[in-house]
Protein backbone atom coordinates (compact mmCIF):
# COMPACT_ATOMS: atom_id res chain seq x y z
CA UNK A 1 138.21 61.93 73.42
CA UNK A 2 139.43 57.85 74.33
CA UNK A 3 136.29 55.79 75.27
CA UNK A 4 136.49 52.37 76.70
CA UNK A 5 134.44 48.98 75.13
CA UNK A 6 132.23 49.39 77.94
CA UNK A 7 131.69 52.41 76.73
CA UNK A 8 130.47 51.44 73.53
CA UNK A 9 128.50 48.63 75.27
CA UNK A 10 126.30 51.00 77.31
CA UNK A 11 125.74 53.83 74.56
CA UNK A 12 124.57 51.03 72.36
CA UNK A 13 122.34 49.77 74.46
CA UNK A 14 120.90 53.37 74.90
CA UNK A 15 120.35 53.86 71.47
CA UNK A 16 118.57 50.73 71.50
CA UNK A 17 116.31 51.54 74.05
CA UNK A 18 115.77 55.39 72.40
CA UNK A 19 114.15 53.33 69.36
CA UNK A 20 111.67 52.01 71.55
CA UNK A 21 109.90 55.42 71.37
CA UNK A 22 108.98 55.89 67.48
CA UNK A 23 106.34 56.94 66.45
CA UNK A 24 105.02 58.27 70.10
CA UNK A 25 107.53 61.30 71.09
CA UNK A 26 107.16 63.79 67.74
CA UNK A 27 108.34 66.49 68.10
CA UNK A 28 110.62 65.41 70.96
CA UNK A 29 113.70 63.10 69.86
CA UNK A 30 114.40 59.43 70.59
CA UNK A 31 116.09 59.67 73.76
CA UNK A 32 117.90 56.50 75.77
CA UNK A 33 119.61 56.37 78.93
CA UNK A 34 122.03 53.92 80.42
CA UNK A 35 122.88 54.20 84.28
CA UNK A 36 125.68 52.58 85.60
CA UNK A 37 127.29 52.41 89.60
CA UNK A 38 131.23 53.28 89.57
CA UNK A 39 131.57 49.15 89.90
CA UNK A 40 130.07 49.11 86.45
CA UNK A 41 126.76 47.53 87.01
CA UNK A 42 123.54 49.23 85.64
CA UNK A 43 121.71 50.20 88.07
CA UNK A 44 119.30 51.78 85.99
CA UNK A 45 117.85 52.52 82.35
CA UNK A 46 115.23 54.27 80.45
CA UNK A 47 113.86 56.18 77.33
CA UNK A 48 111.24 58.93 76.16
CA UNK A 49 108.46 57.05 75.83
CA UNK A 50 105.69 59.11 75.14
CA UNK A 51 105.23 62.96 74.11
CA UNK A 52 104.85 65.13 76.96
CA UNK A 53 105.03 62.15 79.32
CA UNK A 54 109.12 61.91 81.57
CA UNK A 55 112.28 61.89 79.75
CA UNK A 56 114.76 59.37 79.52
CA UNK A 57 117.14 60.30 82.42
CA UNK A 58 114.07 60.99 84.82
CA UNK A 59 113.01 56.79 83.99
CA UNK A 60 116.02 55.85 84.08
CA UNK A 61 116.78 57.10 87.41
CA UNK A 62 113.47 55.51 88.47
CA UNK A 63 114.49 52.15 88.00
CA UNK A 64 117.30 53.08 90.45
CA UNK A 65 116.32 51.16 93.77
CA UNK A 66 119.55 52.23 96.23
CA UNK A 67 120.21 55.80 95.93
CA UNK A 68 123.41 55.34 97.57
CA UNK A 69 124.64 53.59 93.97
CA UNK A 70 124.20 56.98 92.55
CA UNK A 71 127.45 58.37 94.15
CA UNK A 72 130.04 58.48 91.36
CA UNK A 73 128.10 56.84 89.09
CA UNK A 74 128.26 57.10 85.14
CA UNK A 75 124.95 57.93 82.97
CA UNK A 76 125.30 57.53 79.43
CA UNK A 77 122.44 59.14 77.34
CA UNK A 78 121.93 59.26 73.31
CA UNK A 79 121.44 63.30 73.43
CA UNK A 80 122.26 65.92 75.54
CA UNK A 81 120.02 66.36 78.67
CA UNK A 82 117.70 69.50 78.39
CA UNK A 83 118.26 72.32 80.11
CA UNK A 84 114.86 74.39 79.50
CA UNK A 85 111.26 73.91 81.16
CA UNK A 86 108.79 72.38 78.86
CA UNK A 87 106.09 70.56 79.58
CA UNK A 88 109.04 68.50 81.81
CA UNK A 89 111.43 69.76 84.25
CA UNK A 90 115.15 70.32 82.81
CA UNK A 91 116.76 66.91 83.15
CA UNK A 92 119.84 68.84 83.30
CA UNK A 93 119.15 70.23 86.54
CA UNK A 94 117.94 66.89 87.71
CA UNK A 95 120.74 64.83 87.11
CA UNK A 96 123.11 68.25 88.62
CA UNK A 97 121.52 67.26 92.41
CA UNK A 98 123.27 63.77 92.20
CA UNK A 99 126.63 62.72 93.08
CA UNK A 100 126.96 61.63 90.18
CA UNK A 101 130.91 61.20 88.27
CA UNK A 102 130.25 61.51 84.46
CA UNK A 103 127.50 61.87 82.15
CA UNK A 104 128.81 60.42 78.71
CA UNK A 105 126.69 62.13 75.56
CA UNK A 106 126.36 60.78 71.99
CA UNK A 107 125.45 64.14 70.48
CA UNK A 108 125.11 67.38 71.66
CA UNK A 109 120.93 69.02 71.70
CA UNK A 110 120.62 71.20 67.84
CA UNK A 111 117.65 72.76 69.76
CA UNK A 112 118.26 76.16 70.61
CA UNK A 113 117.22 76.40 73.79
CA UNK A 114 119.84 73.64 74.43
CA UNK A 115 122.50 73.58 72.33
CA UNK A 116 124.99 73.28 75.13
CA UNK A 117 123.67 74.97 78.23
CA UNK A 118 122.49 70.80 79.59
CA UNK A 119 126.03 70.01 79.35
CA UNK A 120 127.21 73.51 80.74
CA UNK A 121 124.82 72.79 83.78
CA UNK A 122 126.66 69.60 84.73
CA UNK A 123 129.60 70.85 84.20
CA UNK A 124 129.13 73.39 86.81
CA UNK A 125 128.20 71.18 89.66
CA UNK A 126 131.57 69.35 89.12
CA UNK A 127 130.20 66.22 87.18
CA UNK A 128 132.49 65.16 83.78
CA UNK A 129 130.86 65.36 80.91
CA UNK A 130 132.17 63.90 77.67
CA UNK A 131 130.76 63.90 74.06
CA UNK A 132 130.67 62.15 70.65
CA UNK A 133 130.53 58.40 71.63
CA UNK A 134 128.68 57.20 68.92
CA UNK A 135 127.79 60.39 67.54
CA UNK A 136 126.97 59.01 63.97
CA UNK A 137 124.06 56.73 65.11
CA UNK A 138 122.39 58.82 67.11
CA UNK A 139 122.41 61.88 64.32
CA UNK A 140 120.77 59.17 62.39
CA UNK A 141 118.51 58.25 64.71
CA UNK A 142 116.78 61.58 65.20
CA UNK A 143 117.40 62.65 61.66
CA UNK A 144 113.97 63.91 61.56
CA UNK A 145 113.91 65.84 64.55
CA UNK A 146 117.49 67.38 63.43
CA UNK A 147 115.80 68.37 59.98
CA UNK A 148 112.75 69.53 61.79
CA UNK A 149 115.01 71.68 64.98
CA UNK A 150 117.01 72.95 61.04
CA UNK A 151 114.31 73.51 58.53
CA UNK A 152 110.73 73.74 60.86
CA UNK A 153 109.23 71.78 57.84
CA UNK A 154 108.42 68.01 57.38
CA UNK A 155 110.84 65.57 56.96
CA UNK A 156 109.81 63.90 53.47
CA UNK A 157 111.09 60.43 53.03
CA UNK A 158 109.84 58.47 49.76
CA UNK A 159 109.25 54.89 49.33
CA UNK A 160 109.72 53.36 45.71
CA UNK A 161 109.57 49.43 45.17
CA UNK A 162 110.33 48.67 41.60
CA UNK A 163 111.61 45.74 39.71
CA UNK A 164 115.02 45.21 38.23
CA UNK A 165 114.42 47.07 34.87
CA UNK A 166 113.02 50.09 36.73
CA UNK A 167 109.43 49.19 36.80
CA UNK A 168 106.75 50.44 39.22
CA UNK A 169 103.76 48.86 37.75
CA UNK A 170 102.74 46.61 34.87
CA UNK A 171 100.93 47.36 31.80
CA UNK A 172 97.55 47.05 33.29
CA UNK A 173 98.60 49.14 36.20
CA UNK A 174 99.32 46.06 38.68
CA UNK A 175 101.81 46.46 41.09
CA UNK A 176 101.28 43.53 43.56
CA UNK A 177 103.68 42.36 45.06
CA UNK A 178 106.62 43.71 43.34
CA UNK A 179 108.49 43.47 46.24
CA UNK A 180 108.38 40.85 48.85
CA UNK A 181 107.07 40.18 52.56
CA UNK A 182 110.24 41.46 54.72
CA UNK A 183 110.44 44.54 52.53
CA UNK A 184 106.47 45.03 52.61
CA UNK A 185 106.67 44.21 56.83
CA UNK A 186 109.40 46.73 56.93
CA UNK A 187 107.18 49.37 55.21
CA UNK A 188 104.35 48.73 57.57
CA UNK A 189 107.04 48.89 60.08
CA UNK A 190 108.32 52.30 59.23
CA UNK A 191 104.18 53.48 58.68
CA UNK A 192 104.17 53.39 62.97
CA UNK A 193 107.40 55.36 63.05
CA UNK A 194 106.72 58.24 61.06
CA UNK A 195 103.91 60.80 61.61
CA UNK A 196 101.77 60.69 58.01
CA UNK A 197 101.72 58.48 54.92
CA UNK A 198 100.83 60.18 51.40
CA UNK A 199 99.97 59.00 48.33
CA UNK A 200 98.43 60.56 45.23
CA UNK A 201 94.97 60.32 43.44
CA UNK A 202 96.03 57.60 40.95
CA UNK A 203 97.19 55.80 43.84
CA UNK A 204 93.61 56.23 45.76
CA UNK A 205 91.77 55.43 42.68
CA UNK A 206 93.83 52.27 41.79
CA UNK A 207 94.90 50.44 44.72
CA UNK A 208 92.12 51.74 46.94
CA UNK A 209 94.75 51.55 49.56
CA UNK A 210 93.75 51.45 53.62
CA UNK A 211 97.89 52.72 54.47
CA UNK A 212 97.57 51.23 58.05
CA UNK A 213 99.98 49.20 59.93
CA UNK A 214 99.21 45.39 59.88
CA UNK A 215 102.23 43.51 59.58
CA UNK A 216 103.84 45.23 62.99
CA UNK A 217 102.70 46.11 65.95
CA UNK A 218 102.39 49.90 66.53
CA UNK A 219 100.60 53.21 66.60
CA UNK A 220 98.04 54.23 63.33
CA UNK A 221 99.71 57.21 61.40
CA UNK A 222 97.90 60.14 59.98
CA UNK A 223 96.96 59.66 55.96
CA UNK A 224 97.29 62.08 53.24
CA UNK A 225 96.13 62.09 49.82
CA UNK A 226 96.87 64.68 47.45
CA UNK A 227 93.54 65.02 45.43
CA UNK A 228 93.91 68.17 43.50
CA UNK A 229 90.16 68.46 42.04
CA UNK A 230 88.79 67.10 45.33
CA UNK A 231 86.77 64.12 43.09
CA UNK A 232 87.94 60.94 44.84
CA UNK A 233 84.93 58.68 45.71
CA UNK A 234 83.79 58.88 49.33
CA UNK A 235 83.60 54.97 49.29
CA UNK A 236 87.43 54.55 49.32
CA UNK A 237 89.36 53.51 52.37
CA UNK A 238 90.69 57.04 53.13
CA UNK A 239 87.26 58.31 53.58
CA UNK A 240 85.25 55.81 54.96
CA UNK A 241 87.17 53.24 57.27
CA UNK A 242 87.84 53.33 60.79
CA UNK A 243 90.58 55.75 60.49
CA UNK A 244 88.80 58.37 58.33
CA UNK A 245 89.83 60.94 61.00
CA UNK A 246 93.13 60.39 60.32
CA UNK A 247 92.86 60.92 56.17
CA UNK A 248 94.12 64.59 55.65
CA UNK A 249 92.84 65.46 51.92
CA UNK A 250 95.28 68.39 49.86
CA UNK A 251 93.06 70.06 47.10
CA UNK A 252 93.55 72.87 45.02
CA UNK A 253 89.18 72.93 45.83
CA UNK A 254 89.10 75.87 48.04
CA UNK A 255 85.57 75.60 47.99
CA UNK A 256 85.71 71.93 49.33
CA UNK A 257 88.75 72.70 51.57
CA UNK A 258 86.60 75.92 53.53
CA UNK A 259 83.26 73.93 54.00
CA UNK A 260 84.99 71.53 56.61
CA UNK A 261 82.24 69.27 58.33
CA UNK A 262 80.60 70.40 61.39
CA UNK A 263 81.13 67.60 64.17
CA UNK A 264 77.45 67.46 65.18
CA UNK A 265 76.94 66.90 61.59
CA UNK A 266 79.40 63.78 61.25
CA UNK A 267 77.45 62.16 64.06
CA UNK A 268 74.05 62.35 62.22
CA UNK A 269 75.50 61.46 59.47
CA UNK A 270 78.09 58.52 60.12
CA UNK A 271 79.18 58.64 56.37
CA UNK A 272 79.97 61.90 56.08
CA UNK A 273 84.23 62.35 55.77
CA UNK A 274 85.54 63.35 59.07
CA UNK A 275 89.12 64.22 58.05
CA UNK A 276 90.62 67.00 56.98
CA UNK A 277 90.76 68.90 54.19
CA UNK A 278 93.92 71.69 53.42
CA UNK A 279 93.77 74.50 50.53
CA UNK A 280 96.87 74.66 48.45
CA UNK A 281 97.45 76.50 45.27
CA UNK A 282 97.12 75.21 41.67
CA UNK A 283 100.41 75.02 39.28
CA UNK A 284 99.34 73.58 35.92
CA UNK A 285 96.35 71.59 37.08
CA UNK A 286 98.41 69.95 39.83
CA UNK A 287 98.61 70.83 43.31
CA UNK A 288 101.36 73.05 44.81
CA UNK A 289 103.26 70.54 46.18
CA UNK A 290 105.86 72.70 48.66
CA UNK A 291 103.11 74.81 49.69
CA UNK A 292 100.95 71.37 50.72
CA UNK A 293 103.66 70.02 52.76
CA UNK A 294 104.10 73.64 54.41
CA UNK A 295 100.77 72.99 55.47
CA UNK A 296 100.73 69.62 56.94
CA UNK A 297 103.66 70.82 58.71
CA UNK A 298 101.57 73.67 60.23
CA UNK A 299 99.29 71.07 61.41
CA UNK A 300 101.93 69.28 63.99
CA UNK A 301 103.15 66.36 61.37
CA UNK A 302 107.03 65.90 60.85
CA UNK A 303 107.70 63.24 59.06
CA UNK A 304 106.17 62.04 55.60
CA UNK A 305 105.94 58.78 54.51
CA UNK A 306 105.17 59.27 50.29
CA UNK A 307 104.41 55.78 48.77
CA UNK A 308 103.13 57.40 45.59
CA UNK A 309 103.14 56.48 42.27
CA UNK A 310 105.11 57.52 38.98
CA UNK A 311 103.79 60.85 38.78
CA UNK A 312 103.34 62.18 42.50
CA UNK A 313 107.08 60.22 43.23
CA UNK A 314 108.96 62.31 40.19
CA UNK A 315 107.10 65.44 40.61
CA UNK A 316 108.28 65.10 44.11
CA UNK A 317 111.82 64.80 43.57
CA UNK A 318 111.63 67.50 40.36
CA UNK A 319 110.79 70.07 43.38
CA UNK A 320 113.62 69.31 45.40
CA UNK A 321 111.10 67.86 48.49
CA UNK A 322 112.43 64.49 48.61
CA UNK A 323 114.85 64.20 51.48
CA UNK A 324 115.51 60.50 52.03
CA UNK A 325 114.69 57.75 49.67
CA UNK A 326 113.99 54.13 50.27
CA UNK A 327 113.77 52.45 46.68
CA UNK A 328 113.20 48.29 47.17
CA UNK A 329 114.68 46.83 44.08
CA UNK A 330 113.12 43.12 43.38
CA UNK A 331 114.71 40.68 41.13
CA UNK A 332 112.13 40.79 38.87
CA UNK A 333 111.61 42.28 35.56
CA UNK A 334 108.68 43.42 33.42
CA UNK A 335 109.88 44.74 30.14
CA UNK A 336 107.18 47.30 29.89
CA UNK A 337 104.92 49.25 32.01
CA UNK A 338 104.83 52.83 34.18
CA UNK A 339 108.54 53.70 35.00
CA UNK A 340 109.53 54.92 38.51
CA UNK A 341 110.62 57.97 37.80
CA UNK A 342 109.39 60.17 34.63
CA UNK A 343 110.14 63.56 33.34
CA UNK A 344 112.66 64.99 35.78
CA UNK A 345 113.78 67.26 34.03
CA UNK A 346 116.91 66.47 33.39
CA UNK A 347 118.55 66.29 29.57
CA UNK A 348 122.88 65.65 29.99
CA UNK A 349 124.49 63.58 32.61
CA UNK A 350 125.96 66.89 34.35
CA UNK A 351 122.13 67.44 35.74
CA UNK A 352 121.93 63.65 36.80
CA UNK A 353 120.37 63.78 40.67
CA UNK A 354 122.67 62.50 43.09
CA UNK A 355 122.76 61.44 46.88
CA UNK A 356 125.26 62.69 49.29
CA UNK A 357 124.91 59.54 51.18
CA UNK A 358 123.67 56.01 50.33
CA UNK A 359 123.79 52.46 51.87
CA UNK A 360 122.56 49.13 50.62
CA UNK A 361 120.83 46.41 52.59
CA UNK A 362 119.30 43.20 51.92
CA UNK A 363 115.72 42.39 52.49
CA UNK A 364 114.66 38.65 51.51
CA UNK A 365 115.48 38.62 48.02
CA UNK A 366 115.07 42.36 47.69
CA UNK A 367 117.86 44.81 47.50
CA UNK A 368 117.32 48.26 49.68
CA UNK A 369 118.98 51.12 48.35
CA UNK A 370 118.23 54.15 51.28
CA UNK A 371 120.00 57.51 49.50
CA UNK A 372 120.07 61.00 50.96
CA UNK A 373 119.40 64.04 48.73
């Protein structure tokens, strides 16, 4: 299907609008919408701002000042308008009530409740529907939603910052700071966009991280710590700061997980950990990570950014539990210390782990490799 330069311009604007919903709309997809009059003027635009609130198409329609401008108008939307009743009415039905000429859709909605039904409804109302404009960009924007829809479990993103010679920590355990300011700012942006941030017990002990969003504006994610025996100190930031209720401890210590604090007790004893503990089975002295990810998904968490040390990062890759790698490489050399990945179980080149897709970007002095397993 042939699209004009103006079509591409409007859809790019819709994609940029959709990005504004990152961190706020899950488990819903990110959607942006631009409406143009028959003479090419932008008369309304909007995006899905909050889960449970109005969708992008409705927000864009509400911006149209003169309803007569909708005669023979064109709507650009990054995802097929929904056709089912959820927390909001079907957008396809709403659009179908207006005298639109054309609806341009970047990609079909993979949700089985939609999956072409929204476009079919628009066509039944005499509206021309065109699809596939900037589809690759639209799919990348909603990679988490597409993955959740297809597999029904959280999307796992592993972030690693290493030196040029492959180390994530010096011999004394220090790792601050391998990457530069621009890279660290991007990591905080990711924290604000994904549902949860995960670390292992070694990182929790050595770095005592807060895992909060500080260098950009955005909402605070859930925080997950893999603490097999459940013996991490209670005074760590994860268990004692103002965001402790956002912390989830994964443990194989079932007595700890089965004894959640009573809310009233938490009020009487402010120093009592008020987050959540979930139990998984034990495998060779470690938490069953696949089971952990599935249980975390059952809690409504759809994406996990892992900021792990070598042990947890290697275990996740070894068990094929990582969907996307974000690897920062700093122009620095240590010559010793902790390697980024160890014990992947690879003995020969024929077993090497590859990526189905990848790209490079520059962040200050650092290089970022984004790889999809």
